[in-house]
């Protein structure tokens, strides 16, 4: 997707890699200042909380066909095929919301799951953790970078137009590393 086709991004969204975690934190503080339990942040891609993910009726109303649980196995995020049944595809990522947790190990598998889902006509994906601010946001940002070819800066601005997110500093550092890998080599 070309930079010019992204709504509301303006001219301040250079594809240059993000220079620091502090710069990213400043960018994250801009935009929407609150979030609901679930928000559509990209066409048919939602970030939400565990309460939404655990409410099958709410998922049905939203038309959710795929769930990526970024806190699989956590206290409030059990999920799984037994819970959702055969109508919802499920991927569990056992991530901990700790700055030293290597969430980047799941960037590719999560992006592949989201991409395959969104390539299916009528599919809608919910990515959630407990609150829907750090782990889930990190995996959605990585998806936008890996599969939609957005820079980290573009991905943050896009998501922040629809939901307040704030990945922990360790996750931001890992996203900056991904940004450097993708854009530092002069990605098209």
N, C-alpha and C. Protein backbone atom coordinates (compact mmCIF):
# COMPACT_ATOMS: atom_id res chain seq x y z
N UNK A 1 0.86 -1.18 0.00
CA UNK A 1 0.00 0.00 0.00
C UNK A 1 0.90 1.23 0.00
N UNK A 2 0.67 2.11 -0.86
CA UNK A 2 1.49 3.31 -0.97
C UNK A 2 1.18 4.27 0.17
N UNK A 3 2.18 5.01 0.58
CA UNK A 3 2.00 5.95 1.68
C UNK A 3 0.88 6.94 1.40
N UNK A 4 0.76 7.42 0.18
CA UNK A 4 -0.26 8.42 -0.14
C UNK A 4 -1.67 7.87 0.00
N UNK A 5 -1.86 6.54 -0.06
CA UNK A 5 -3.19 5.97 0.03
C UNK A 5 -3.64 5.73 1.46
N UNK A 6 -2.80 5.99 2.41
CA UNK A 6 -3.19 5.80 3.81
C UNK A 6 -3.89 7.04 4.30
N UNK A 7 -5.15 6.90 4.72
CA UNK A 7 -5.92 8.08 5.11
C UNK A 7 -5.34 8.76 6.34
N UNK A 8 -5.27 10.09 6.27
CA UNK A 8 -4.91 10.88 7.43
C UNK A 8 -3.45 10.87 7.83
N UNK A 9 -2.59 10.29 7.02
CA UNK A 9 -1.20 10.22 7.43
C UNK A 9 -0.41 11.48 7.11
N UNK A 10 -0.83 12.23 6.11
CA UNK A 10 -0.15 13.47 5.81
C UNK A 10 1.30 13.27 5.40
N UNK A 11 2.09 14.33 5.49
CA UNK A 11 3.47 14.26 5.05
C UNK A 11 4.47 13.94 6.14
N UNK A 12 4.01 13.70 7.37
CA UNK A 12 4.93 13.47 8.48
C UNK A 12 5.22 12.00 8.70
N UNK A 13 4.98 11.15 7.72
CA UNK A 13 5.12 9.72 7.94
C UNK A 13 6.20 9.12 7.07
N UNK A 14 7.37 9.69 7.10
CA UNK A 14 8.47 9.18 6.33
C UNK A 14 8.65 7.68 6.61
N UNK A 15 9.11 6.96 5.61
CA UNK A 15 9.33 5.54 5.77
C UNK A 15 10.66 5.25 6.47
N UNK A 16 11.38 6.28 6.84
CA UNK A 16 12.66 6.08 7.53
C UNK A 16 12.44 5.34 8.83
N UNK A 17 13.39 4.47 9.21
CA UNK A 17 13.23 3.74 10.45
C UNK A 17 13.09 4.68 11.65
N UNK A 18 12.35 4.24 12.62
CA UNK A 18 12.17 5.00 13.85
C UNK A 18 13.54 5.13 14.54
N UNK A 19 13.86 6.30 15.00
CA UNK A 19 15.20 6.49 15.54
C UNK A 19 15.36 6.05 16.99
N UNK A 20 14.27 6.02 17.77
CA UNK A 20 14.41 5.63 19.17
C UNK A 20 13.07 5.23 19.79
N UNK A 21 13.15 4.52 20.89
CA UNK A 21 11.96 4.13 21.65
C UNK A 21 11.27 5.38 22.19
N UNK A 22 12.06 6.38 22.60
CA UNK A 22 11.46 7.61 23.11
C UNK A 22 10.65 8.33 22.04
N UNK A 23 11.16 8.34 20.81
CA UNK A 23 10.43 8.93 19.70
C UNK A 23 9.11 8.19 19.48
N UNK A 24 9.17 6.88 19.58
CA UNK A 24 7.96 6.07 19.43
C UNK A 24 6.95 6.36 20.53
N UNK A 25 7.43 6.48 21.76
CA UNK A 25 6.54 6.77 22.88
C UNK A 25 5.84 8.12 22.69
N UNK A 26 6.56 9.11 22.17
CA UNK A 26 5.94 10.41 21.89
C UNK A 26 4.85 10.26 20.84
N UNK A 27 5.12 9.48 19.81
CA UNK A 27 4.15 9.23 18.75
C UNK A 27 2.91 8.51 19.30
N UNK A 28 3.13 7.56 20.21
CA UNK A 28 2.03 6.81 20.80
C UNK A 28 1.14 7.67 21.69
N UNK A 29 1.70 8.74 22.23
CA UNK A 29 0.91 9.62 23.10
C UNK A 29 -0.05 10.51 22.30
N UNK A 30 0.18 10.60 20.98
CA UNK A 30 -0.67 11.42 20.12
C UNK A 30 -1.89 10.63 19.69
N UNK A 31 -2.89 11.31 19.18
CA UNK A 31 -4.07 10.63 18.64
C UNK A 31 -5.10 10.30 19.68
N UNK A 32 -5.86 9.26 19.43
CA UNK A 32 -6.97 8.84 20.29
C UNK A 32 -6.47 8.60 21.71
N UNK A 33 -7.19 9.12 22.69
CA UNK A 33 -6.73 9.03 24.08
C UNK A 33 -7.47 7.97 24.88
N UNK A 34 -8.45 7.31 24.30
CA UNK A 34 -9.13 6.25 25.02
C UNK A 34 -9.45 5.13 24.04
N UNK A 35 -9.87 4.02 24.58
CA UNK A 35 -10.25 2.91 23.71
C UNK A 35 -11.44 2.20 24.33
N UNK A 36 -12.20 1.57 23.47
CA UNK A 36 -13.30 0.76 23.96
C UNK A 36 -12.77 -0.66 24.15
N UNK A 37 -13.64 -1.57 24.39
CA UNK A 37 -13.20 -2.95 24.60
C UNK A 37 -12.67 -3.58 23.33
N UNK A 38 -13.15 -3.08 22.19
CA UNK A 38 -12.68 -3.59 20.90
C UNK A 38 -12.80 -2.47 19.87
N UNK A 39 -11.77 -2.34 19.02
CA UNK A 39 -11.75 -1.30 17.99
C UNK A 39 -11.20 -1.88 16.70
N UNK A 40 -11.80 -1.50 15.57
CA UNK A 40 -11.29 -1.89 14.27
C UNK A 40 -10.17 -0.92 13.92
N UNK A 41 -8.95 -1.45 13.75
CA UNK A 41 -7.78 -0.61 13.53
C UNK A 41 -7.27 -0.68 12.09
N UNK A 42 -7.77 -1.60 11.33
CA UNK A 42 -7.44 -1.82 9.92
C UNK A 42 -8.66 -2.54 9.38
N UNK A 43 -8.95 -2.46 8.10
CA UNK A 43 -10.15 -3.14 7.62
C UNK A 43 -10.23 -4.61 8.04
N UNK A 44 -11.28 -4.93 8.80
CA UNK A 44 -11.56 -6.28 9.30
C UNK A 44 -10.55 -6.80 10.31
N UNK A 45 -9.74 -5.92 10.87
CA UNK A 45 -8.76 -6.28 11.89
C UNK A 45 -9.04 -5.47 13.15
N UNK A 46 -9.31 -6.18 14.24
CA UNK A 46 -9.71 -5.56 15.49
C UNK A 46 -8.69 -5.86 16.58
N UNK A 47 -8.50 -4.89 17.47
CA UNK A 47 -7.75 -5.11 18.71
C UNK A 47 -8.76 -5.00 19.84
N UNK A 48 -8.69 -5.94 20.77
CA UNK A 48 -9.63 -5.92 21.88
C UNK A 48 -9.05 -6.51 23.14
N UNK A 49 -9.92 -6.61 24.14
CA UNK A 49 -9.51 -7.12 25.45
C UNK A 49 -10.00 -8.55 25.65
N UNK A 50 -9.61 -9.13 26.77
CA UNK A 50 -9.99 -10.52 27.07
C UNK A 50 -11.48 -10.66 27.29
N UNK A 51 -12.12 -9.66 27.87
CA UNK A 51 -13.57 -9.74 28.11
C UNK A 51 -14.32 -9.89 26.79
N UNK A 52 -13.91 -9.17 25.77
CA UNK A 52 -14.53 -9.30 24.45
C UNK A 52 -14.26 -10.68 23.88
N UNK A 53 -13.01 -11.13 23.97
CA UNK A 53 -12.62 -12.43 23.41
C UNK A 53 -13.35 -13.58 24.10
N UNK A 54 -13.71 -13.39 25.35
CA UNK A 54 -14.39 -14.44 26.11
C UNK A 54 -15.91 -14.36 25.99
N UNK A 55 -16.43 -13.46 25.16
CA UNK A 55 -17.87 -13.29 24.98
C UNK A 55 -18.24 -13.74 23.55
N UNK A 56 -18.63 -15.00 23.43
CA UNK A 56 -18.93 -15.56 22.11
C UNK A 56 -20.05 -14.80 21.39
N UNK A 57 -21.03 -14.31 22.14
CA UNK A 57 -22.11 -13.56 21.52
C UNK A 57 -21.59 -12.26 20.93
N UNK A 58 -20.74 -11.56 21.65
CA UNK A 58 -20.13 -10.32 21.14
C UNK A 58 -19.30 -10.58 19.89
N UNK A 59 -18.54 -11.66 19.90
CA UNK A 59 -17.74 -12.02 18.72
C UNK A 59 -18.65 -12.31 17.53
N UNK A 60 -19.74 -13.01 17.77
CA UNK A 60 -20.70 -13.30 16.71
C UNK A 60 -21.28 -12.01 16.16
N UNK A 61 -21.67 -11.07 17.03
CA UNK A 61 -22.22 -9.78 16.58
C UNK A 61 -21.21 -9.02 15.73
N UNK A 62 -19.93 -9.08 16.09
CA UNK A 62 -18.88 -8.40 15.33
C UNK A 62 -18.52 -9.13 14.04
N UNK A 63 -18.93 -10.38 13.93
CA UNK A 63 -18.59 -11.18 12.76
C UNK A 63 -17.18 -11.75 12.79
N UNK A 64 -16.61 -11.89 13.99
CA UNK A 64 -15.23 -12.38 14.13
C UNK A 64 -15.15 -13.84 13.71
N UNK A 65 -14.22 -14.12 12.81
CA UNK A 65 -14.01 -15.47 12.31
C UNK A 65 -12.66 -16.05 12.75
N UNK A 66 -11.77 -15.18 13.21
CA UNK A 66 -10.42 -15.58 13.62
C UNK A 66 -10.04 -14.84 14.89
N UNK A 67 -9.43 -15.54 15.83
CA UNK A 67 -8.97 -14.93 17.08
C UNK A 67 -7.50 -15.25 17.27
N UNK A 68 -6.72 -14.19 17.47
CA UNK A 68 -5.31 -14.34 17.84
C UNK A 68 -5.20 -13.85 19.28
N UNK A 69 -4.93 -14.78 20.19
CA UNK A 69 -4.82 -14.48 21.61
C UNK A 69 -3.34 -14.26 21.92
N UNK A 70 -2.96 -13.02 22.20
CA UNK A 70 -1.56 -12.68 22.47
C UNK A 70 -1.18 -12.91 23.92
N UNK A 71 -2.09 -13.51 24.70
CA UNK A 71 -1.80 -13.84 26.11
C UNK A 71 -2.26 -15.26 26.41
N UNK A 72 -2.10 -16.15 25.43
CA UNK A 72 -2.57 -17.52 25.57
C UNK A 72 -2.01 -18.17 26.83
N UNK A 73 -2.89 -18.81 27.57
CA UNK A 73 -2.47 -19.48 28.78
C UNK A 73 -2.42 -18.56 29.99
N UNK A 74 -2.65 -17.27 29.80
CA UNK A 74 -2.66 -16.34 30.92
C UNK A 74 -3.91 -16.51 31.77
N UNK A 75 -3.91 -15.87 32.89
CA UNK A 75 -4.98 -16.02 33.87
C UNK A 75 -6.37 -15.80 33.29
N UNK A 76 -6.52 -14.76 32.46
CA UNK A 76 -7.84 -14.43 31.92
C UNK A 76 -7.97 -14.74 30.44
N UNK A 77 -7.00 -15.41 29.87
CA UNK A 77 -6.98 -15.59 28.41
C UNK A 77 -6.74 -17.05 28.04
N UNK A 78 -7.63 -17.91 28.40
CA UNK A 78 -7.45 -19.32 28.07
C UNK A 78 -7.72 -19.60 26.60
N UNK A 79 -8.88 -19.22 26.10
CA UNK A 79 -9.19 -19.39 24.68
C UNK A 79 -8.96 -20.80 24.17
N UNK A 80 -8.93 -20.94 22.87
CA UNK A 80 -8.65 -22.21 22.24
C UNK A 80 -9.82 -22.73 21.44
N UNK A 81 -9.54 -23.73 20.58
CA UNK A 81 -10.58 -24.29 19.72
C UNK A 81 -11.77 -24.86 20.50
N UNK A 82 -11.54 -25.42 21.65
CA UNK A 82 -12.65 -25.97 22.43
C UNK A 82 -13.62 -24.87 22.85
N UNK A 83 -13.12 -23.70 23.16
CA UNK A 83 -13.97 -22.58 23.58
C UNK A 83 -14.72 -21.99 22.39
N UNK A 84 -14.03 -21.78 21.29
CA UNK A 84 -14.62 -21.08 20.14
C UNK A 84 -15.40 -22.00 19.20
N UNK A 85 -15.11 -23.28 19.23
CA UNK A 85 -15.79 -24.19 18.33
C UNK A 85 -15.22 -24.12 16.92
N UNK A 86 -15.93 -24.72 15.99
CA UNK A 86 -15.40 -24.82 14.63
C UNK A 86 -15.65 -23.58 13.77
N UNK A 87 -16.42 -22.61 14.29
CA UNK A 87 -16.72 -21.42 13.51
C UNK A 87 -15.66 -20.34 13.59
N UNK A 88 -14.72 -20.47 14.52
CA UNK A 88 -13.68 -19.47 14.71
C UNK A 88 -12.32 -20.15 14.69
N UNK A 89 -11.43 -19.67 13.83
CA UNK A 89 -10.05 -20.16 13.82
C UNK A 89 -9.28 -19.46 14.93
N UNK A 90 -8.37 -20.18 15.57
CA UNK A 90 -7.70 -19.67 16.76
C UNK A 90 -6.19 -19.87 16.66
N UNK A 91 -5.46 -18.84 17.10
CA UNK A 91 -4.01 -18.96 17.30
C UNK A 91 -3.69 -18.38 18.66
N UNK A 92 -2.99 -19.14 19.48
CA UNK A 92 -2.58 -18.67 20.79
C UNK A 92 -1.09 -18.39 20.83
N UNK A 93 -0.74 -17.21 21.31
CA UNK A 93 0.66 -16.81 21.48
C UNK A 93 0.88 -16.61 22.98
N UNK A 94 1.70 -17.44 23.61
CA UNK A 94 1.89 -17.36 25.06
C UNK A 94 2.84 -16.23 25.47
N UNK A 95 2.47 -15.00 25.16
CA UNK A 95 3.32 -13.85 25.45
C UNK A 95 3.06 -13.30 26.84
N UNK A 96 4.11 -12.81 27.45
CA UNK A 96 4.01 -12.14 28.74
C UNK A 96 4.28 -10.65 28.50
N UNK A 97 3.52 -9.79 29.18
CA UNK A 97 3.69 -8.35 28.99
C UNK A 97 4.84 -7.84 29.86
N UNK A 98 6.02 -8.31 29.54
CA UNK A 98 7.24 -7.94 30.26
C UNK A 98 8.25 -7.41 29.25
N UNK A 99 8.95 -6.34 29.57
CA UNK A 99 9.90 -5.75 28.62
C UNK A 99 10.97 -6.72 28.13
N UNK A 100 11.32 -7.74 28.93
CA UNK A 100 12.37 -8.66 28.50
C UNK A 100 11.82 -9.89 27.78
N UNK A 101 10.52 -9.96 27.56
CA UNK A 101 9.94 -11.08 26.82
C UNK A 101 10.19 -10.90 25.32
N UNK A 102 10.64 -11.96 24.65
CA UNK A 102 10.95 -11.89 23.23
C UNK A 102 9.69 -12.14 22.39
N UNK A 103 8.88 -11.11 22.24
CA UNK A 103 7.66 -11.22 21.44
C UNK A 103 7.97 -11.27 19.95
N UNK A 104 9.17 -10.82 19.57
CA UNK A 104 9.54 -10.82 18.14
C UNK A 104 9.59 -12.25 17.58
N UNK A 105 9.75 -13.23 18.44
CA UNK A 105 9.74 -14.63 17.99
C UNK A 105 8.40 -15.01 17.37
N UNK A 106 7.35 -14.23 17.67
CA UNK A 106 6.01 -14.51 17.17
C UNK A 106 5.55 -13.55 16.07
N UNK A 107 6.40 -12.61 15.68
CA UNK A 107 6.01 -11.63 14.67
C UNK A 107 5.57 -12.32 13.37
N UNK A 108 6.36 -13.22 12.86
CA UNK A 108 6.06 -13.85 11.56
C UNK A 108 4.83 -14.74 11.64
N UNK A 109 4.73 -15.60 12.65
CA UNK A 109 3.57 -16.51 12.74
C UNK A 109 2.28 -15.74 12.95
N UNK A 110 2.31 -14.69 13.75
CA UNK A 110 1.11 -13.87 13.98
C UNK A 110 0.73 -13.13 12.70
N UNK A 111 1.72 -12.55 12.02
CA UNK A 111 1.45 -11.84 10.77
C UNK A 111 0.89 -12.79 9.71
N UNK A 112 1.43 -14.00 9.65
CA UNK A 112 0.93 -14.99 8.69
C UNK A 112 -0.52 -15.37 9.00
N UNK A 113 -0.84 -15.57 10.28
CA UNK A 113 -2.21 -15.92 10.69
C UNK A 113 -3.18 -14.80 10.30
N UNK A 114 -2.82 -13.57 10.62
CA UNK A 114 -3.68 -12.43 10.30
C UNK A 114 -3.83 -12.29 8.78
N UNK A 115 -2.72 -12.38 8.07
CA UNK A 115 -2.75 -12.21 6.61
C UNK A 115 -3.60 -13.29 5.94
N UNK A 116 -3.42 -14.53 6.34
CA UNK A 116 -4.22 -15.62 5.76
C UNK A 116 -5.69 -15.40 6.05
N UNK A 117 -6.01 -14.99 7.26
CA UNK A 117 -7.40 -14.74 7.63
C UNK A 117 -7.99 -13.63 6.78
N UNK A 118 -7.28 -12.51 6.68
CA UNK A 118 -7.81 -11.36 5.95
C UNK A 118 -7.84 -11.59 4.44
N UNK A 119 -7.17 -12.63 3.97
CA UNK A 119 -7.23 -13.00 2.56
C UNK A 119 -8.47 -13.82 2.26
N UNK A 120 -9.20 -14.21 3.29
CA UNK A 120 -10.43 -14.99 3.15
C UNK A 120 -11.61 -14.02 3.09
N UNK A 121 -12.41 -14.09 2.02
CA UNK A 121 -13.55 -13.17 1.91
C UNK A 121 -14.48 -13.28 3.13
N UNK A 122 -14.83 -12.12 3.68
CA UNK A 122 -15.75 -12.05 4.81
C UNK A 122 -15.12 -12.29 6.17
N UNK A 123 -13.83 -12.58 6.21
CA UNK A 123 -13.18 -12.87 7.49
C UNK A 123 -12.92 -11.59 8.27
N UNK A 124 -13.01 -11.72 9.60
CA UNK A 124 -12.67 -10.64 10.52
C UNK A 124 -11.83 -11.23 11.64
N UNK A 125 -10.77 -10.50 12.01
CA UNK A 125 -9.80 -11.00 12.97
C UNK A 125 -9.82 -10.13 14.22
N UNK A 126 -9.88 -10.79 15.37
CA UNK A 126 -9.69 -10.13 16.66
C UNK A 126 -8.34 -10.53 17.20
N UNK A 127 -7.49 -9.55 17.49
CA UNK A 127 -6.22 -9.79 18.17
C UNK A 127 -6.40 -9.20 19.56
N UNK A 128 -6.17 -10.03 20.57
CA UNK A 128 -6.40 -9.54 21.94
C UNK A 128 -5.34 -10.05 22.88
N UNK A 129 -5.26 -9.38 24.02
CA UNK A 129 -4.49 -9.85 25.16
C UNK A 129 -5.42 -9.63 26.35
N UNK A 130 -4.95 -9.14 27.47
CA UNK A 130 -5.85 -8.91 28.60
C UNK A 130 -6.59 -7.59 28.43
N UNK A 131 -5.84 -6.50 28.17
CA UNK A 131 -6.44 -5.17 28.06
C UNK A 131 -6.51 -4.70 26.60
N UNK A 132 -5.66 -5.24 25.74
CA UNK A 132 -5.66 -4.82 24.34
C UNK A 132 -4.85 -3.57 24.09
N UNK A 133 -3.73 -3.44 24.79
CA UNK A 133 -2.92 -2.22 24.68
C UNK A 133 -1.46 -2.52 24.33
N UNK A 134 -0.90 -3.60 24.84
CA UNK A 134 0.53 -3.84 24.66
C UNK A 134 0.83 -5.04 23.76
N UNK A 135 0.57 -6.26 24.22
CA UNK A 135 0.91 -7.46 23.44
C UNK A 135 0.16 -7.51 22.11
N UNK A 136 -1.17 -7.35 22.18
CA UNK A 136 -1.97 -7.42 20.96
C UNK A 136 -1.58 -6.30 19.99
N UNK A 137 -1.37 -5.11 20.50
CA UNK A 137 -0.98 -3.98 19.66
C UNK A 137 0.36 -4.25 18.99
N UNK A 138 1.29 -4.83 19.72
CA UNK A 138 2.61 -5.14 19.18
C UNK A 138 2.49 -6.09 17.99
N UNK A 139 1.68 -7.13 18.13
CA UNK A 139 1.54 -8.10 17.04
C UNK A 139 0.82 -7.49 15.85
N UNK A 140 -0.15 -6.61 16.08
CA UNK A 140 -0.83 -5.94 14.96
C UNK A 140 0.14 -4.99 14.26
N UNK A 141 0.93 -4.25 15.01
CA UNK A 141 1.92 -3.35 14.40
C UNK A 141 2.91 -4.15 13.55
N UNK A 142 3.37 -5.28 14.07
CA UNK A 142 4.29 -6.13 13.31
C UNK A 142 3.63 -6.63 12.02
N UNK A 143 2.36 -7.01 12.10
CA UNK A 143 1.62 -7.43 10.90
C UNK A 143 1.59 -6.30 9.85
N UNK A 144 1.26 -5.11 10.29
CA UNK A 144 1.18 -3.98 9.36
C UNK A 144 2.54 -3.71 8.71
N UNK A 145 3.60 -3.93 9.46
CA UNK A 145 4.93 -3.72 8.92
C UNK A 145 5.33 -4.84 7.96
N UNK A 146 5.09 -6.08 8.37
CA UNK A 146 5.53 -7.22 7.57
C UNK A 146 4.66 -7.48 6.34
N UNK A 147 3.35 -7.34 6.48
CA UNK A 147 2.46 -7.74 5.39
C UNK A 147 1.83 -6.58 4.64
N UNK A 148 1.70 -5.42 5.28
CA UNK A 148 1.15 -4.25 4.60
C UNK A 148 2.23 -3.27 4.19
N UNK A 149 3.47 -3.60 4.54
CA UNK A 149 4.66 -2.82 4.14
C UNK A 149 4.65 -1.39 4.67
N UNK A 150 4.08 -1.20 5.85
CA UNK A 150 4.12 0.11 6.49
C UNK A 150 5.40 0.21 7.31
N UNK A 151 5.92 1.41 7.43
CA UNK A 151 7.00 1.63 8.38
C UNK A 151 6.39 1.56 9.78
N UNK A 152 7.20 1.44 10.79
CA UNK A 152 6.69 1.42 12.16
C UNK A 152 5.94 2.71 12.46
N UNK A 153 6.49 3.82 12.02
CA UNK A 153 5.84 5.12 12.24
C UNK A 153 4.45 5.14 11.59
N UNK A 154 4.34 4.67 10.35
CA UNK A 154 3.06 4.62 9.65
C UNK A 154 2.08 3.68 10.36
N UNK A 155 2.58 2.54 10.81
CA UNK A 155 1.73 1.56 11.49
C UNK A 155 1.17 2.14 12.79
N UNK A 156 2.02 2.80 13.57
CA UNK A 156 1.58 3.40 14.83
C UNK A 156 0.51 4.46 14.56
N UNK A 157 0.75 5.33 13.60
CA UNK A 157 -0.21 6.39 13.30
C UNK A 157 -1.54 5.78 12.85
N UNK A 158 -1.48 4.76 12.02
CA UNK A 158 -2.69 4.11 11.54
C UNK A 158 -3.50 3.51 12.69
N UNK A 159 -2.85 2.76 13.55
CA UNK A 159 -3.56 2.13 14.68
C UNK A 159 -4.07 3.18 15.65
N UNK A 160 -3.25 4.18 15.94
CA UNK A 160 -3.62 5.21 16.93
C UNK A 160 -4.79 6.08 16.48
N UNK A 161 -5.10 6.08 15.20
CA UNK A 161 -6.28 6.81 14.73
C UNK A 161 -7.56 6.15 15.23
N UNK A 162 -7.46 4.89 15.62
CA UNK A 162 -8.65 4.12 15.99
C UNK A 162 -8.65 3.60 17.42
N UNK A 163 -7.48 3.49 18.03
CA UNK A 163 -7.40 2.89 19.37
C UNK A 163 -6.16 3.41 20.10
N UNK A 164 -6.31 3.61 21.40
CA UNK A 164 -5.16 3.96 22.24
C UNK A 164 -4.40 2.67 22.52
N UNK A 165 -3.14 2.65 22.13
CA UNK A 165 -2.28 1.50 22.40
C UNK A 165 -0.97 2.03 22.97
N UNK A 166 -0.28 1.18 23.72
CA UNK A 166 1.00 1.59 24.29
C UNK A 166 1.82 0.36 24.67
N UNK A 167 2.47 -0.28 23.67
CA UNK A 167 3.32 -1.44 23.98
C UNK A 167 4.42 -1.07 24.97
N UNK A 168 4.83 -2.05 25.79
CA UNK A 168 5.88 -1.77 26.76
C UNK A 168 7.19 -1.48 26.03
N UNK A 169 8.15 -0.92 26.75
CA UNK A 169 9.41 -0.46 26.12
C UNK A 169 10.19 -1.58 25.45
N UNK A 170 10.18 -2.75 26.05
CA UNK A 170 10.88 -3.88 25.42
C UNK A 170 10.27 -4.24 24.08
N UNK A 171 8.93 -4.21 24.01
CA UNK A 171 8.25 -4.51 22.75
C UNK A 171 8.52 -3.41 21.73
N UNK A 172 8.53 -2.17 22.19
CA UNK A 172 8.85 -1.05 21.28
C UNK A 172 10.25 -1.21 20.71
N UNK A 173 11.18 -1.62 21.55
CA UNK A 173 12.55 -1.83 21.09
C UNK A 173 12.59 -2.92 20.00
N UNK A 174 11.84 -4.01 20.22
CA UNK A 174 11.80 -5.09 19.23
C UNK A 174 11.14 -4.64 17.93
N UNK A 175 10.10 -3.81 18.04
CA UNK A 175 9.48 -3.25 16.83
C UNK A 175 10.45 -2.32 16.10
N UNK A 176 11.23 -1.54 16.84
CA UNK A 176 12.24 -0.68 16.21
C UNK A 176 13.28 -1.52 15.48
N UNK A 177 13.67 -2.64 16.08
CA UNK A 177 14.62 -3.54 15.41
C UNK A 177 14.04 -4.08 14.11
N UNK A 178 12.75 -4.47 14.14
CA UNK A 178 12.09 -4.95 12.93
C UNK A 178 12.05 -3.83 11.88
N UNK A 179 11.75 -2.63 12.32
CA UNK A 179 11.70 -1.48 11.41
C UNK A 179 13.06 -1.27 10.75
N UNK A 180 14.11 -1.36 11.53
CA UNK A 180 15.47 -1.22 10.98
C UNK A 180 15.77 -2.31 9.97
N UNK A 181 15.38 -3.55 10.29
CA UNK A 181 15.62 -4.66 9.36
C UNK A 181 14.87 -4.45 8.04
N UNK A 182 13.62 -4.01 8.14
CA UNK A 182 12.79 -3.87 6.94
C UNK A 182 13.12 -2.63 6.13
N UNK A 183 13.36 -1.52 6.81
CA UNK A 183 13.54 -0.25 6.11
C UNK A 183 14.99 0.19 6.01
N UNK A 184 15.82 -0.33 6.88
CA UNK A 184 17.23 0.03 6.84
C UNK A 184 17.91 -0.46 5.57
N UNK A 185 17.35 -1.53 5.00
CA UNK A 185 17.92 -2.09 3.78
C UNK A 185 17.29 -1.50 2.52
N UNK A 186 16.48 -0.44 2.71
CA UNK A 186 15.86 0.22 1.55
C UNK A 186 14.70 -0.56 0.97
N UNK A 187 13.82 -1.01 1.83
CA UNK A 187 12.65 -1.78 1.40
C UNK A 187 11.80 -0.97 0.41
N UNK A 188 11.24 -1.63 -0.57
CA UNK A 188 10.35 -1.00 -1.55
C UNK A 188 9.03 -0.66 -0.91
